Amino acid sequence: MQLPIRKPGKYTHLKPDQHLTQAKFNELKNKLDQLKFNRPRAAEEVKRLAEMGDFSENAAYQIAKGRLRGLNQKILEIADQLKRAVIIKPVKNSRLVQLGSSVTVITAGREKTYLILGSAETDPKRGIISSHSPIGSALIGKKINDQIKIKLADQEVEYKIVRIE
């Protein structure tokens, strides 16, 4: 069985953002431990299915082998991400917006609060944005009462910083 070959996308070869909160670091560490715990069982399953005979027509063996390969790849990716991780330590009472800051802005008469973290932890619906996003990158390094204009899609939006935590 041959897997389809896909063209690499625009962001295929980008390394994941190294900046993680301590909570995300711990979550990834727990996930890595769980994957390592499951690995011997998956390897044993491949070994058991290999004993059934002809590899070319043993679909269960091929599937188990693919699962083990995927498990090994995920272990390598998470281990590499943890090895390169830089823990975000927010500075309290900072006058400037930085990684880990919670920033309250006013735009179009409405108040919005954003937490600026690394790309691995973004959740725009909950107000968690990346420091690499248009809004996040514009806010980094600014202080209270600064006004920022950001071009988003087809419009320009103005933000005024009212609080930094």
C-alpha atoms as a PDB file:
ATOM      1  CA  MET A   1       0.000   0.000   0.000  1.00  0.00           C
ATOM      2  CA  GLN A   2       1.490   3.298  -1.077  1.00  0.00           C
ATOM      3  CA  LEU A   3       0.649   6.513   0.740  1.00  0.00           C
ATOM      4  CA  PRO A   4      -0.295   9.533  -1.355  1.00  0.00           C
ATOM      5  CA  ILE A   5       2.512  12.010  -1.892  1.00  0.00           C
ATOM      6  CA  ARG A   6       1.517  15.545  -1.076  1.00  0.00           C
ATOM      7  CA  LYS A   7       3.235  18.733  -2.106  1.00  0.00           C
ATOM      8  CA  PRO A   8       4.842  20.461   0.839  1.00  0.00           C
ATOM      9  CA  GLY A   9       2.939  23.533   1.952  1.00  0.00           C
ATOM     10  CA  LYS A  10       4.185  27.013   2.632  1.00  0.00           C
ATOM     11  CA  TYR A  11       4.749  26.334   6.342  1.00  0.00           C
ATOM     12  CA  THR A  12       5.930  22.718   6.137  1.00  0.00           C
ATOM     13  CA  HIS A  13       9.530  23.261   7.134  1.00  0.00           C
ATOM     14  CA  LEU A  14       9.051  25.881   9.847  1.00  0.00           C
ATOM     15  CA  LYS A  15      10.237  24.869  13.294  1.00  0.00           C
ATOM     16  CA  PRO A  16       7.659  25.153  16.062  1.00  0.00           C
ATOM     17  CA  ASP A  17       7.860  28.234  18.265  1.00  0.00           C
ATOM     18  CA  GLN A  18      10.245  27.609  21.160  1.00  0.00           C
ATOM     19  CA  HIS A  19       8.391  29.806  23.657  1.00  0.00           C
ATOM     20  CA  LEU A  20       6.161  27.806  26.011  1.00  0.00           C
ATOM     21  CA  THR A  21       4.514  28.466  29.349  1.00  0.00           C
ATOM     22  CA  GLN A  22       5.469  26.150  32.189  1.00  0.00           C
ATOM     23  CA  ALA A  23       1.986  24.582  31.992  1.00  0.00           C
ATOM     24  CA  LYS A  24       2.368  23.765  28.269  1.00  0.00           C
ATOM     25  CA  PHE A  25       5.875  22.414  28.898  1.00  0.00           C
ATOM     26  CA  ASN A  26       4.510  20.099  31.609  1.00  0.00           C
ATOM     27  CA  GLU A  27       1.632  19.039  29.338  1.00  0.00           C
ATOM     28  CA  LEU A  28       4.069  18.103  26.546  1.00  0.00           C
ATOM     29  CA  LYS A  29       6.312  16.269  29.019  1.00  0.00           C
ATOM     30  CA  ASN A  30       3.329  14.206  30.244  1.00  0.00           C
ATOM     31  CA  LYS A  31       2.323  13.465  26.652  1.00  0.00           C
ATOM     32  CA  LEU A  32       5.886  12.331  25.867  1.00  0.00           C
ATOM     33  CA  ASP A  33       5.917  10.053  28.922  1.00  0.00           C
ATOM     34  CA  GLN A  34       2.576   8.552  27.837  1.00  0.00           C
ATOM     35  CA  LEU A  35       3.851   7.926  24.289  1.00  0.00           C
ATOM     36  CA  LYS A  36       7.021   6.301  25.627  1.00  0.00           C
ATOM     37  CA  PHE A  37       4.880   4.144  27.924  1.00  0.00           C
ATOM     38  CA  ASN A  38       2.738   2.982  24.950  1.00  0.00           C
ATOM     39  CA  ARG A  39       5.697   2.329  22.627  1.00  0.00           C
ATOM     40  CA  PRO A  40       6.687  -1.164  23.927  1.00  0.00           C
ATOM     41  CA  ARG A  41       3.088  -2.340  23.551  1.00  0.00           C
ATOM     42  CA  ALA A  42       2.986  -1.107  19.945  1.00  0.00           C
ATOM     43  CA  ALA A  43       6.343  -2.758  19.188  1.00  0.00           C
ATOM     44  CA  GLU A  44       5.098  -6.019  20.703  1.00  0.00           C
ATOM     45  CA  GLU A  45       1.993  -5.849  18.498  1.00  0.00           C
ATOM     46  CA  VAL A  46       4.174  -5.428  15.378  1.00  0.00           C
ATOM     47  CA  LYS A  47       6.295  -8.401  16.478  1.00  0.00           C
ATOM     48  CA  ARG A  48       3.210 -10.545  17.110  1.00  0.00           C
ATOM     49  CA  LEU A  49       1.696  -9.696  13.723  1.00  0.00           C
ATOM     50  CA  ALA A  50       5.026 -10.273  11.938  1.00  0.00           C
ATOM     51  CA  GLU A  51       4.927 -13.886  13.058  1.00  0.00           C
ATOM     52  CA  MET A  52       1.732 -14.437  11.075  1.00  0.00           C
ATOM     53  CA  GLY A  53       3.625 -14.948   7.847  1.00  0.00           C
ATOM     54  CA  ASP A  54       3.743 -13.164   4.501  1.00  0.00           C
ATOM     55  CA  PHE A  55       4.378  -9.427   5.008  1.00  0.00           C
ATOM     56  CA  SER A  56       3.053  -8.349   1.608  1.00  0.00           C
ATOM     57  CA  GLU A  57      -0.513  -9.469   2.329  1.00  0.00           C
ATOM     58  CA  ASN A  58      -0.591  -8.963   6.081  1.00  0.00           C
ATOM     59  CA  ALA A  59      -2.660  -5.761   6.323  1.00  0.00           C
ATOM     60  CA  ALA A  60      -2.816  -5.848  10.130  1.00  0.00           C
ATOM     61  CA  TYR A  61       1.002  -5.944  10.233  1.00  0.00           C
ATOM     62  CA  GLN A  62       1.269  -3.000   7.835  1.00  0.00           C
ATOM     63  CA  ILE A  63      -1.188  -0.959   9.914  1.00  0.00           C
ATOM     64  CA  ALA A  64       0.561  -1.787  13.198  1.00  0.00           C
ATOM     65  CA  LYS A  65       3.920  -0.940  11.669  1.00  0.00           C
ATOM     66  CA  GLY A  66       2.550   2.411  10.463  1.00  0.00           C
ATOM     67  CA  ARG A  67       1.199   3.153  13.950  1.00  0.00           C
ATOM     68  CA  LEU A  68       4.585   2.364  15.500  1.00  0.00           C
ATOM     69  CA  ARG A  69       6.327   4.571  12.933  1.00  0.00           C
ATOM     70  CA  GLY A  70       3.910   7.433  13.714  1.00  0.00           C
ATOM     71  CA  LEU A  71       4.403   6.919  17.459  1.00  0.00           C
ATOM     72  CA  ASN A  72       8.188   7.040  17.062  1.00  0.00           C
ATOM     73  CA  GLN A  73       7.936  10.205  14.954  1.00  0.00           C
ATOM     74  CA  LYS A  74       5.698  11.918  17.518  1.00  0.00           C
ATOM     75  CA  ILE A  75       8.125  10.977  20.323  1.00  0.00           C
ATOM     76  CA  LEU A  76      11.021  12.507  18.370  1.00  0.00           C
ATOM     77  CA  GLU A  77       9.080  15.703  17.600  1.00  0.00           C
ATOM     78  CA  ILE A  78       7.942  16.295  21.188  1.00  0.00           C
ATOM     79  CA  ALA A  79      11.379  15.452  22.625  1.00  0.00           C
ATOM     80  CA  ASP A  80      12.981  17.942  20.218  1.00  0.00           C
ATOM     81  CA  GLN A  81      10.405  20.606  21.100  1.00  0.00           C
ATOM     82  CA  LEU A  82      11.038  20.100  24.833  1.00  0.00           C
ATOM     83  CA  LYS A  83      14.793  20.197  24.321  1.00  0.00           C
ATOM     84  CA  ARG A  84      14.575  23.549  22.508  1.00  0.00           C
ATOM     85  CA  ALA A  85      11.861  25.045  24.752  1.00  0.00           C
ATOM     86  CA  VAL A  86      12.246  28.486  26.262  1.00  0.00           C
ATOM     87  CA  ILE A  87       9.936  28.942  29.254  1.00  0.00           C
ATOM     88  CA  ILE A  88       7.970  32.211  29.273  1.00  0.00           C
ATOM     89  CA  LYS A  89       8.372  33.980  32.606  1.00  0.00           C
ATOM     90  CA  PRO A  90       6.137  37.052  32.645  1.00  0.00           C
ATOM     91  CA  VAL A  91       7.542  40.051  34.472  1.00  0.00           C
ATOM     92  CA  LYS A  92       5.056  41.587  36.893  1.00  0.00           C
ATOM     93  CA  ASN A  93       4.529  45.351  36.868  1.00  0.00           C
ATOM     94  CA  SER A  94       6.228  45.754  33.517  1.00  0.00           C
ATOM     95  CA  ARG A  95       5.641  49.011  31.698  1.00  0.00           C
ATOM     96  CA  LEU A  96       6.135  47.382  28.291  1.00  0.00           C
ATOM     97  CA  VAL A  97       4.141  44.666  26.549  1.00  0.00           C
ATOM     98  CA  GLN A  98       6.207  41.498  26.273  1.00  0.00           C
ATOM     99  CA  LEU A  99       5.839  37.751  25.843  1.00  0.00           C
ATOM    100  CA  GLY A 100       3.539  36.510  28.619  1.00  0.00           C
ATOM    101  CA  SER A 101       1.805  39.878  29.102  1.00  0.00           C
ATOM    102  CA  SER A 102      -1.935  40.256  29.382  1.00  0.00           C
ATOM    103  CA  VAL A 103      -2.855  43.414  27.478  1.00  0.00           C
ATOM    104  CA  THR A 104      -6.194  45.204  27.568  1.00  0.00           C
ATOM    105  CA  VAL A 105      -6.905  47.398  24.549  1.00  0.00           C
ATOM    106  CA  ILE A 106      -9.803  49.517  23.359  1.00  0.00           C
ATOM    107  CA  THR A 107     -10.827  49.219  19.729  1.00  0.00           C
ATOM    108  CA  ALA A 108     -14.002  50.586  18.146  1.00  0.00           C
ATOM    109  CA  GLY A 109     -15.286  51.497  21.617  1.00  0.00           C
ATOM    110  CA  ARG A 110     -14.956  47.925  22.909  1.00  0.00           C
ATOM    111  CA  GLU A 111     -12.466  46.641  25.429  1.00  0.00           C
ATOM    112  CA  LYS A 112     -10.556  43.451  24.589  1.00  0.00           C
ATOM    113  CA  THR A 113      -7.926  41.579  26.554  1.00  0.00           C
ATOM    114  CA  TYR A 114      -5.184  39.553  24.874  1.00  0.00           C
ATOM    115  CA  LEU A 115      -2.644  37.214  26.427  1.00  0.00           C
ATOM    116  CA  ILE A 116       0.497  37.159  24.286  1.00  0.00           C
ATOM    117  CA  LEU A 117       2.234  33.761  24.190  1.00  0.00           C
ATOM    118  CA  GLY A 118       4.201  31.614  21.745  1.00  0.00           C
ATOM    119  CA  SER A 119       2.586  30.146  18.626  1.00  0.00           C
ATOM    120  CA  ALA A 120       2.184  26.687  20.197  1.00  0.00           C
ATOM    121  CA  GLU A 121      -0.437  27.929  22.647  1.00  0.00           C
ATOM    122  CA  THR A 122      -2.631  30.308  20.669  1.00  0.00           C
ATOM    123  CA  ASP A 123      -6.390  30.262  21.052  1.00  0.00           C
ATOM    124  CA  PRO A 124      -7.877  33.438  19.546  1.00  0.00           C
ATOM    125  CA  LYS A 125     -11.388  32.596  20.777  1.00  0.00           C
ATOM    126  CA  ARG A 126     -10.096  32.818  24.366  1.00  0.00           C
ATOM    127  CA  GLY A 127      -7.959  35.904  23.659  1.00  0.00           C
ATOM    128  CA  ILE A 128      -4.618  34.052  23.581  1.00  0.00           C
ATOM    129  CA  ILE A 129      -2.612  35.308  20.618  1.00  0.00           C
ATOM    130  CA  SER A 130       0.856  34.644  19.267  1.00  0.00           C
ATOM    131  CA  SER A 131       3.672  37.143  19.506  1.00  0.00           C
ATOM    132  CA  HIS A 132       4.062  36.535  15.744  1.00  0.00           C
ATOM    133  CA  SER A 133       0.452  37.436  14.886  1.00  0.00           C
ATOM    134  CA  PRO A 134      -0.254  40.889  13.405  1.00  0.00           C
ATOM    135  CA  ILE A 135      -1.813  42.156  16.643  1.00  0.00           C
ATOM    136  CA  GLY A 136       0.726  40.458  18.926  1.00  0.00           C
ATOM    137  CA  SER A 137       3.760  41.695  17.018  1.00  0.00           C
ATOM    138  CA  ALA A 138       2.328  45.235  16.921  1.00  0.00           C
ATOM    139  CA  LEU A 139       1.717  45.236  20.690  1.00  0.00           C
ATOM    140  CA  ILE A 140       5.150  43.882  21.726  1.00  0.00           C
ATOM    141  CA  GLY A 141       7.328  46.672  23.111  1.00  0.00           C
ATOM    142  CA  LYS A 142       4.500  49.200  23.480  1.00  0.00           C
ATOM    143  CA  LYS A 143       3.329  50.838  26.726  1.00  0.00           C
ATOM    144  CA  ILE A 144       0.070  52.075  28.278  1.00  0.00           C
ATOM    145  CA  ASN A 145      -1.752  54.795  26.268  1.00  0.00           C
ATOM    146  CA  ASP A 146       0.146  53.935  23.064  1.00  0.00           C
ATOM    147  CA  GLN A 147      -2.058  53.831  19.979  1.00  0.00           C
ATOM    148  CA  ILE A 148      -1.376  51.245  17.315  1.00  0.00           C
ATOM    149  CA  LYS A 149      -2.797  50.980  13.803  1.00  0.00           C
ATOM    150  CA  ILE A 150      -2.857  47.489  12.334  1.00  0.00           C
ATOM    151  CA  LYS A 151      -3.811  46.622   8.775  1.00  0.00           C
ATOM    152  CA  LEU A 152      -6.026  43.528   8.925  1.00  0.00           C
ATOM    153  CA  ALA A 153      -7.346  42.056   5.675  1.00  0.00           C
ATOM    154  CA  ASP A 154      -9.095  44.964   3.967  1.00  0.00           C
ATOM    155  CA  GLN A 155      -9.277  47.425   6.847  1.00  0.00           C
ATOM    156  CA  GLU A 156      -7.065  49.326   9.254  1.00  0.00           C
ATOM    157  CA  VAL A 157      -7.913  48.889  12.938  1.00  0.00           C
ATOM    158  CA  GLU A 158      -6.743  51.188  15.709  1.00  0.00           C
ATOM    159  CA  TYR A 159      -5.964  49.878  19.208  1.00  0.00           C
ATOM    160  CA  LYS A 160      -5.232  51.873  22.357  1.00  0.00           C
ATOM    161  CA  ILE A 161      -3.463  50.083  25.214  1.00  0.00           C
ATOM    162  CA  VAL A 162      -5.216  50.737  28.535  1.00  0.00           C
ATOM    163  CA  ARG A 163      -3.697  48.077  30.811  1.00  0.00           C
ATOM    164  CA  ILE A 164      -0.710  45.724  30.932  1.00  0.00           C
ATOM    165  CA  GLU A 165      -0.578  42.902  33.466  1.00  0.00           C
END
